[in-house]
């Protein structure tokens, strides 16, 4: 069975360092990253996904409380367009990460992540992303 994953989480999972909004979120994100490393198929979603499930910013209606800073659906759509991927399509994680590596530019990364609190806090950069993505290109 495929794991639902928002397009922008293709960026977040690679840069995840074990810190998060809460212990439950961190544990859930760690499980999602492990599933990607193991090669679990992904269905690109434009709604709350496996990672959002434990996020303390998820509102009761499924919306994100952080949308005022950077509308998540807009970020997902822009990333899908830049990567030439389709929402609701299923992919092997290694295929997705290879496409990100080949198609995502530093300018794209900066634009897509500029409003993210983790980016602004210095956890994320295009250079760090490109260094870490190699570990996602082949299953464990």
N, C-alpha and C. Protein backbone atom coordinates (compact mmCIF):
# COMPACT_ATOMS: atom_id res chain seq x y z
N UNK A 1 0.85 -1.18 0.00
CA UNK A 1 0.00 0.00 0.00
C UNK A 1 0.89 1.24 0.00
N UNK A 2 0.50 2.23 -0.76
CA UNK A 2 1.32 3.43 -0.84
C UNK A 2 1.05 4.39 0.32
N UNK A 3 2.08 5.15 0.63
CA UNK A 3 1.99 6.15 1.69
C UNK A 3 1.62 7.49 1.06
N UNK A 4 0.55 8.14 1.54
CA UNK A 4 0.25 9.48 1.02
C UNK A 4 1.32 10.47 1.50
N UNK A 5 1.77 11.32 0.57
CA UNK A 5 2.81 12.28 0.91
C UNK A 5 2.59 13.57 0.13
N UNK A 6 2.51 14.67 0.85
CA UNK A 6 2.41 15.99 0.20
C UNK A 6 3.72 16.26 -0.52
N UNK A 7 3.65 16.94 -1.65
CA UNK A 7 4.84 17.19 -2.47
C UNK A 7 5.93 17.90 -1.67
N UNK A 8 5.58 18.90 -0.86
CA UNK A 8 6.63 19.62 -0.14
C UNK A 8 7.34 18.74 0.88
N UNK A 9 6.73 17.65 1.28
CA UNK A 9 7.39 16.73 2.21
C UNK A 9 8.53 15.97 1.54
N UNK A 10 8.61 16.02 0.20
CA UNK A 10 9.79 15.48 -0.48
C UNK A 10 11.04 16.28 -0.08
N UNK A 11 10.83 17.53 0.29
CA UNK A 11 11.93 18.37 0.75
C UNK A 11 12.18 18.16 2.25
N UNK A 12 11.12 18.17 3.02
CA UNK A 12 11.23 18.09 4.48
C UNK A 12 11.84 16.77 4.96
N UNK A 13 11.46 15.67 4.35
CA UNK A 13 11.93 14.37 4.83
C UNK A 13 13.44 14.21 4.68
N UNK A 14 13.98 14.74 3.60
CA UNK A 14 15.43 14.62 3.38
C UNK A 14 16.20 15.42 4.42
N UNK A 15 15.67 16.55 4.82
CA UNK A 15 16.37 17.45 5.74
C UNK A 15 16.01 17.24 7.21
N UNK A 16 15.12 16.31 7.49
CA UNK A 16 14.68 16.05 8.86
C UNK A 16 15.86 15.58 9.70
N UNK A 17 16.03 16.19 10.88
CA UNK A 17 17.15 15.87 11.76
C UNK A 17 16.71 15.38 13.13
N UNK A 18 15.46 14.99 13.28
CA UNK A 18 15.01 14.47 14.55
C UNK A 18 14.43 15.50 15.49
N UNK A 19 14.26 16.72 15.01
CA UNK A 19 13.60 17.76 15.79
C UNK A 19 12.24 18.00 15.18
N UNK A 20 11.31 18.45 15.99
CA UNK A 20 9.98 18.67 15.45
C UNK A 20 9.13 19.52 16.34
N UNK A 21 7.90 19.60 15.96
CA UNK A 21 6.94 20.41 16.69
C UNK A 21 6.62 19.81 18.05
N UNK A 22 6.69 18.50 18.16
CA UNK A 22 6.35 17.79 19.39
C UNK A 22 6.99 16.41 19.33
N UNK A 23 7.09 15.71 20.47
CA UNK A 23 7.62 14.34 20.43
C UNK A 23 6.80 13.42 19.52
N UNK A 24 5.49 13.56 19.53
CA UNK A 24 4.64 12.71 18.68
C UNK A 24 4.91 12.99 17.20
N UNK A 25 5.07 14.26 16.86
CA UNK A 25 5.37 14.62 15.48
C UNK A 25 6.73 14.06 15.07
N UNK A 26 7.73 14.23 15.92
CA UNK A 26 9.08 13.75 15.62
C UNK A 26 9.08 12.23 15.42
N UNK A 27 8.39 11.51 16.27
CA UNK A 27 8.30 10.05 16.15
C UNK A 27 7.61 9.67 14.84
N UNK A 28 6.52 10.33 14.51
CA UNK A 28 5.79 10.04 13.29
C UNK A 28 6.64 10.36 12.05
N UNK A 29 7.32 11.49 12.07
CA UNK A 29 8.18 11.87 10.95
C UNK A 29 9.31 10.86 10.78
N UNK A 30 9.89 10.41 11.88
CA UNK A 30 10.95 9.41 11.81
C UNK A 30 10.45 8.13 11.16
N UNK A 31 9.22 7.72 11.49
CA UNK A 31 8.63 6.52 10.87
C UNK A 31 8.43 6.74 9.37
N UNK A 32 7.94 7.92 8.99
CA UNK A 32 7.72 8.21 7.57
C UNK A 32 9.04 8.20 6.80
N UNK A 33 10.07 8.78 7.37
CA UNK A 33 11.39 8.79 6.72
C UNK A 33 11.90 7.35 6.56
N UNK A 34 11.72 6.53 7.58
CA UNK A 34 12.14 5.13 7.49
C UNK A 34 11.38 4.39 6.39
N UNK A 35 10.09 4.67 6.25
CA UNK A 35 9.30 4.04 5.18
C UNK A 35 9.81 4.45 3.81
N UNK A 36 10.19 5.71 3.66
CA UNK A 36 10.75 6.16 2.38
C UNK A 36 12.07 5.46 2.10
N UNK A 37 12.94 5.38 3.11
CA UNK A 37 14.22 4.69 2.95
C UNK A 37 14.01 3.22 2.58
N UNK A 38 12.95 2.63 3.10
CA UNK A 38 12.67 1.22 2.81
C UNK A 38 12.04 1.02 1.43
N UNK A 39 11.70 2.11 0.76
CA UNK A 39 11.16 2.00 -0.59
C UNK A 39 9.65 1.87 -0.68
N UNK A 40 8.93 2.21 0.40
CA UNK A 40 7.47 2.12 0.33
C UNK A 40 6.95 3.08 -0.73
N UNK A 41 6.09 2.59 -1.64
CA UNK A 41 5.54 3.47 -2.68
C UNK A 41 4.80 4.66 -2.07
N UNK A 42 4.81 5.75 -2.82
CA UNK A 42 4.24 7.03 -2.39
C UNK A 42 3.14 7.45 -3.35
N UNK A 43 2.04 7.94 -2.79
CA UNK A 43 1.01 8.61 -3.60
C UNK A 43 1.09 10.08 -3.26
N UNK A 44 1.42 10.89 -4.25
CA UNK A 44 1.54 12.33 -4.01
C UNK A 44 0.16 12.92 -3.72
N UNK A 45 0.04 13.55 -2.57
CA UNK A 45 -1.25 14.04 -2.09
C UNK A 45 -1.24 15.56 -2.03
N UNK A 46 -2.42 16.14 -2.13
CA UNK A 46 -2.58 17.57 -1.92
C UNK A 46 -3.54 17.84 -0.76
N UNK A 47 -3.54 16.91 0.15
CA UNK A 47 -4.33 17.02 1.37
C UNK A 47 -3.45 16.49 2.49
N UNK A 48 -3.88 16.63 3.74
CA UNK A 48 -3.07 16.12 4.85
C UNK A 48 -2.64 14.67 4.58
N UNK A 49 -1.38 14.39 4.89
CA UNK A 49 -0.79 13.10 4.55
C UNK A 49 -0.34 12.35 5.80
N UNK A 50 0.51 11.34 5.60
CA UNK A 50 1.00 10.53 6.71
C UNK A 50 1.80 11.36 7.72
N UNK A 51 2.49 12.38 7.25
CA UNK A 51 3.28 13.23 8.15
C UNK A 51 2.38 14.20 8.90
N UNK A 52 1.41 14.76 8.21
CA UNK A 52 0.48 15.71 8.84
C UNK A 52 -0.33 15.06 9.96
N UNK A 53 -0.49 13.76 9.91
CA UNK A 53 -1.35 13.05 10.86
C UNK A 53 -0.99 13.36 12.32
N UNK A 54 0.29 13.58 12.62
CA UNK A 54 0.70 13.84 14.00
C UNK A 54 1.15 15.27 14.23
N UNK A 55 0.88 16.16 13.29
CA UNK A 55 1.35 17.53 13.41
C UNK A 55 0.43 18.34 14.33
N UNK A 56 0.98 19.00 15.32
CA UNK A 56 0.15 19.81 16.22
C UNK A 56 -0.44 21.04 15.53
N UNK A 57 0.03 21.37 14.33
CA UNK A 57 -0.54 22.50 13.58
C UNK A 57 -1.72 22.10 12.71
N UNK A 58 -2.06 20.83 12.71
CA UNK A 58 -3.21 20.36 11.93
C UNK A 58 -4.49 20.70 12.69
N UNK A 59 -5.36 21.44 12.02
CA UNK A 59 -6.63 21.85 12.62
C UNK A 59 -7.65 20.73 12.51
N UNK A 60 -8.74 20.78 13.28
CA UNK A 60 -9.74 19.71 13.24
C UNK A 60 -10.31 19.44 11.85
N UNK A 61 -10.38 20.47 11.00
CA UNK A 61 -10.90 20.26 9.64
C UNK A 61 -9.83 19.77 8.67
N UNK A 62 -8.60 19.50 9.17
CA UNK A 62 -7.52 19.00 8.34
C UNK A 62 -6.62 20.09 7.77
N UNK A 63 -7.03 21.35 7.90
CA UNK A 63 -6.22 22.46 7.40
C UNK A 63 -4.99 22.64 8.29
N UNK A 64 -4.04 23.41 7.80
CA UNK A 64 -2.81 23.68 8.55
C UNK A 64 -2.88 25.08 9.15
N UNK A 65 -2.58 25.16 10.44
CA UNK A 65 -2.58 26.46 11.13
C UNK A 65 -1.49 27.38 10.61
N UNK A 66 -0.50 26.83 9.93
CA UNK A 66 0.61 27.63 9.40
C UNK A 66 0.33 28.19 8.01
N UNK A 67 -0.83 27.89 7.45
CA UNK A 67 -1.14 28.34 6.09
C UNK A 67 -1.10 29.85 5.93
N UNK A 68 -1.28 30.60 7.00
CA UNK A 68 -1.24 32.07 6.87
C UNK A 68 0.16 32.53 6.46
N UNK A 69 1.21 31.82 6.91
CA UNK A 69 2.58 32.17 6.56
C UNK A 69 2.94 31.73 5.15
N UNK A 70 2.55 30.53 4.79
CA UNK A 70 2.89 29.97 3.48
C UNK A 70 1.84 28.93 3.13
N UNK A 71 0.88 29.26 2.28
CA UNK A 71 -0.17 28.29 1.95
C UNK A 71 0.42 26.98 1.43
N UNK A 72 0.20 25.93 2.18
CA UNK A 72 0.80 24.62 1.90
C UNK A 72 0.35 24.10 0.53
N UNK A 73 -0.92 24.21 0.21
CA UNK A 73 -1.41 23.70 -1.07
C UNK A 73 -0.72 24.40 -2.24
N UNK A 74 -0.46 25.68 -2.10
CA UNK A 74 0.23 26.43 -3.14
C UNK A 74 1.67 25.95 -3.29
N UNK A 75 2.34 25.70 -2.18
CA UNK A 75 3.70 25.20 -2.21
C UNK A 75 3.74 23.83 -2.87
N UNK A 76 2.80 22.96 -2.49
CA UNK A 76 2.72 21.64 -3.10
C UNK A 76 2.53 21.74 -4.61
N UNK A 77 1.61 22.58 -5.04
CA UNK A 77 1.31 22.71 -6.47
C UNK A 77 2.51 23.25 -7.24
N UNK A 78 3.17 24.25 -6.69
CA UNK A 78 4.35 24.82 -7.38
C UNK A 78 5.46 23.78 -7.50
N UNK A 79 5.65 22.98 -6.46
CA UNK A 79 6.69 21.95 -6.52
C UNK A 79 6.31 20.87 -7.53
N UNK A 80 5.07 20.44 -7.53
CA UNK A 80 4.63 19.46 -8.53
C UNK A 80 4.89 19.96 -9.95
N UNK A 81 4.58 21.23 -10.19
CA UNK A 81 4.80 21.80 -11.53
C UNK A 81 6.28 21.82 -11.88
N UNK A 82 7.12 22.25 -10.96
CA UNK A 82 8.56 22.33 -11.25
C UNK A 82 9.17 20.95 -11.49
N UNK A 83 8.66 19.96 -10.79
CA UNK A 83 9.19 18.60 -10.94
C UNK A 83 8.49 17.82 -12.06
N UNK A 84 7.43 18.42 -12.60
CA UNK A 84 6.64 17.77 -13.66
C UNK A 84 6.07 16.42 -13.16
N UNK A 85 5.46 16.49 -11.97
CA UNK A 85 4.83 15.32 -11.35
C UNK A 85 3.34 15.57 -11.24
N UNK A 86 2.59 14.48 -11.05
CA UNK A 86 1.14 14.57 -10.94
C UNK A 86 0.68 14.24 -9.53
N UNK A 87 -0.24 15.05 -9.05
CA UNK A 87 -0.89 14.77 -7.78
C UNK A 87 -1.73 13.50 -7.95
N UNK A 88 -1.82 12.71 -6.89
CA UNK A 88 -2.55 11.45 -6.84
C UNK A 88 -1.91 10.33 -7.65
N UNK A 89 -0.76 10.57 -8.23
CA UNK A 89 -0.03 9.51 -8.92
C UNK A 89 0.86 8.79 -7.91
N UNK A 90 1.16 7.54 -8.20
CA UNK A 90 2.00 6.74 -7.31
C UNK A 90 3.40 6.60 -7.91
N UNK A 91 4.38 6.67 -7.03
CA UNK A 91 5.78 6.62 -7.43
C UNK A 91 6.58 5.83 -6.40
N UNK A 92 7.69 5.26 -6.85
CA UNK A 92 8.68 4.72 -5.92
C UNK A 92 9.42 5.91 -5.33
N UNK A 93 9.72 5.90 -4.04
CA UNK A 93 10.41 7.05 -3.46
C UNK A 93 11.75 7.34 -4.15
N UNK A 94 12.48 6.32 -4.54
CA UNK A 94 13.77 6.54 -5.18
C UNK A 94 13.58 7.29 -6.51
N UNK A 95 12.51 6.97 -7.23
CA UNK A 95 12.20 7.68 -8.48
C UNK A 95 11.93 9.16 -8.18
N UNK A 96 11.13 9.42 -7.16
CA UNK A 96 10.81 10.80 -6.81
C UNK A 96 12.06 11.59 -6.42
N UNK A 97 12.88 11.01 -5.58
CA UNK A 97 14.07 11.73 -5.12
C UNK A 97 15.07 11.93 -6.26
N UNK A 98 15.14 11.00 -7.20
CA UNK A 98 16.00 11.19 -8.37
C UNK A 98 15.49 12.35 -9.22
N UNK A 99 14.18 12.47 -9.36
CA UNK A 99 13.61 13.58 -10.12
C UNK A 99 13.84 14.91 -9.40
N UNK A 100 13.71 14.91 -8.09
CA UNK A 100 13.97 16.14 -7.33
C UNK A 100 15.43 16.55 -7.54
N UNK A 101 16.33 15.59 -7.41
CA UNK A 101 17.75 15.91 -7.57
C UNK A 101 18.04 16.48 -8.95
N UNK A 102 17.41 15.91 -9.97
CA UNK A 102 17.67 16.34 -11.34
C UNK A 102 16.99 17.66 -11.71
N UNK A 103 15.82 17.94 -11.12
CA UNK A 103 15.01 19.06 -11.59
C UNK A 103 14.91 20.25 -10.65
N UNK A 104 15.17 20.08 -9.38
CA UNK A 104 15.02 21.18 -8.43
C UNK A 104 16.26 22.07 -8.46
N UNK A 105 16.07 23.33 -8.68
CA UNK A 105 17.19 24.27 -8.68
C UNK A 105 17.30 24.93 -7.31
N UNK A 106 18.43 25.55 -7.07
CA UNK A 106 18.61 26.30 -5.83
C UNK A 106 17.58 27.42 -5.73
N UNK A 107 17.29 28.08 -6.84
CA UNK A 107 16.29 29.15 -6.83
C UNK A 107 14.91 28.61 -6.50
N UNK A 108 14.56 27.44 -7.04
CA UNK A 108 13.28 26.81 -6.70
C UNK A 108 13.20 26.54 -5.21
N UNK A 109 14.26 25.95 -4.66
CA UNK A 109 14.29 25.60 -3.25
C UNK A 109 14.11 26.84 -2.39
N UNK A 110 14.86 27.89 -2.71
CA UNK A 110 14.77 29.13 -1.93
C UNK A 110 13.36 29.71 -1.98
N UNK A 111 12.75 29.71 -3.16
CA UNK A 111 11.39 30.26 -3.30
C UNK A 111 10.37 29.41 -2.55
N UNK A 112 10.45 28.10 -2.70
CA UNK A 112 9.46 27.21 -2.09
C UNK A 112 9.56 27.20 -0.57
N UNK A 113 10.75 27.34 -0.05
CA UNK A 113 10.97 27.19 1.39
C UNK A 113 11.10 28.51 2.15
N UNK A 114 11.09 29.62 1.46
CA UNK A 114 11.38 30.91 2.08
C UNK A 114 10.51 31.23 3.29
N UNK A 115 9.27 30.81 3.31
CA UNK A 115 8.37 31.14 4.41
C UNK A 115 8.31 30.07 5.50
N UNK A 116 9.07 29.01 5.35
CA UNK A 116 9.02 27.91 6.31
C UNK A 116 9.85 28.24 7.55
N UNK A 117 9.31 27.96 8.70
CA UNK A 117 10.01 28.27 9.95
C UNK A 117 11.31 27.50 10.09
N UNK A 118 11.38 26.28 9.58
CA UNK A 118 12.59 25.47 9.68
C UNK A 118 13.68 26.04 8.77
N UNK A 119 13.28 26.52 7.61
CA UNK A 119 14.22 27.17 6.70
C UNK A 119 14.77 28.45 7.34
N UNK A 120 13.85 29.25 7.86
CA UNK A 120 14.27 30.51 8.49
C UNK A 120 15.16 30.28 9.71
N UNK A 121 14.99 29.13 10.37
CA UNK A 121 15.80 28.81 11.56
C UNK A 121 17.17 28.23 11.17
N UNK A 122 17.40 28.02 9.89
CA UNK A 122 18.69 27.54 9.44
C UNK A 122 18.86 26.04 9.33
N UNK A 123 17.77 25.28 9.51
CA UNK A 123 17.86 23.83 9.40
C UNK A 123 18.01 23.38 7.95
N UNK A 124 17.55 24.20 7.02
CA UNK A 124 17.42 23.77 5.63
C UNK A 124 18.18 24.69 4.68
N UNK A 125 18.77 24.07 3.68
CA UNK A 125 19.36 24.81 2.57
C UNK A 125 19.42 23.87 1.38
N UNK A 126 19.51 24.43 0.21
CA UNK A 126 19.62 23.64 -1.00
C UNK A 126 20.89 22.78 -0.94
N UNK A 127 21.97 23.34 -0.46
CA UNK A 127 23.23 22.61 -0.37
C UNK A 127 23.11 21.41 0.57
N UNK A 128 22.50 21.61 1.74
CA UNK A 128 22.29 20.50 2.67
C UNK A 128 21.40 19.45 2.03
N UNK A 129 20.37 19.91 1.32
CA UNK A 129 19.44 18.98 0.68
C UNK A 129 20.20 18.09 -0.31
N UNK A 130 20.98 18.69 -1.17
CA UNK A 130 21.70 17.93 -2.19
C UNK A 130 22.74 16.99 -1.58
N UNK A 131 23.30 17.35 -0.43
CA UNK A 131 24.22 16.45 0.26
C UNK A 131 23.49 15.23 0.81
N UNK A 132 22.31 15.45 1.36
CA UNK A 132 21.60 14.38 2.06
C UNK A 132 20.73 13.52 1.15
N UNK A 133 20.38 14.01 -0.03
CA UNK A 133 19.45 13.27 -0.88
C UNK A 133 20.01 11.93 -1.34
N UNK A 134 21.31 11.82 -1.41
CA UNK A 134 21.92 10.57 -1.88
C UNK A 134 21.44 9.37 -1.06
N UNK A 135 21.23 9.58 0.23
CA UNK A 135 20.81 8.46 1.08
C UNK A 135 19.37 8.01 0.77
N UNK A 136 18.63 8.80 0.01
CA UNK A 136 17.25 8.46 -0.34
C UNK A 136 17.14 7.85 -1.74
N UNK A 137 18.25 7.77 -2.46
CA UNK A 137 18.18 7.34 -3.85
C UNK A 137 18.23 5.83 -4.03
N UNK A 138 18.50 5.07 -2.98
CA UNK A 138 18.44 3.61 -3.08
C UNK A 138 17.88 3.08 -1.77
N UNK A 139 17.05 2.05 -1.85
CA UNK A 139 16.47 1.52 -0.62
C UNK A 139 17.54 0.98 0.32
N UNK A 140 17.24 1.02 1.63
CA UNK A 140 18.18 0.47 2.63
C UNK A 140 18.32 -1.03 2.42
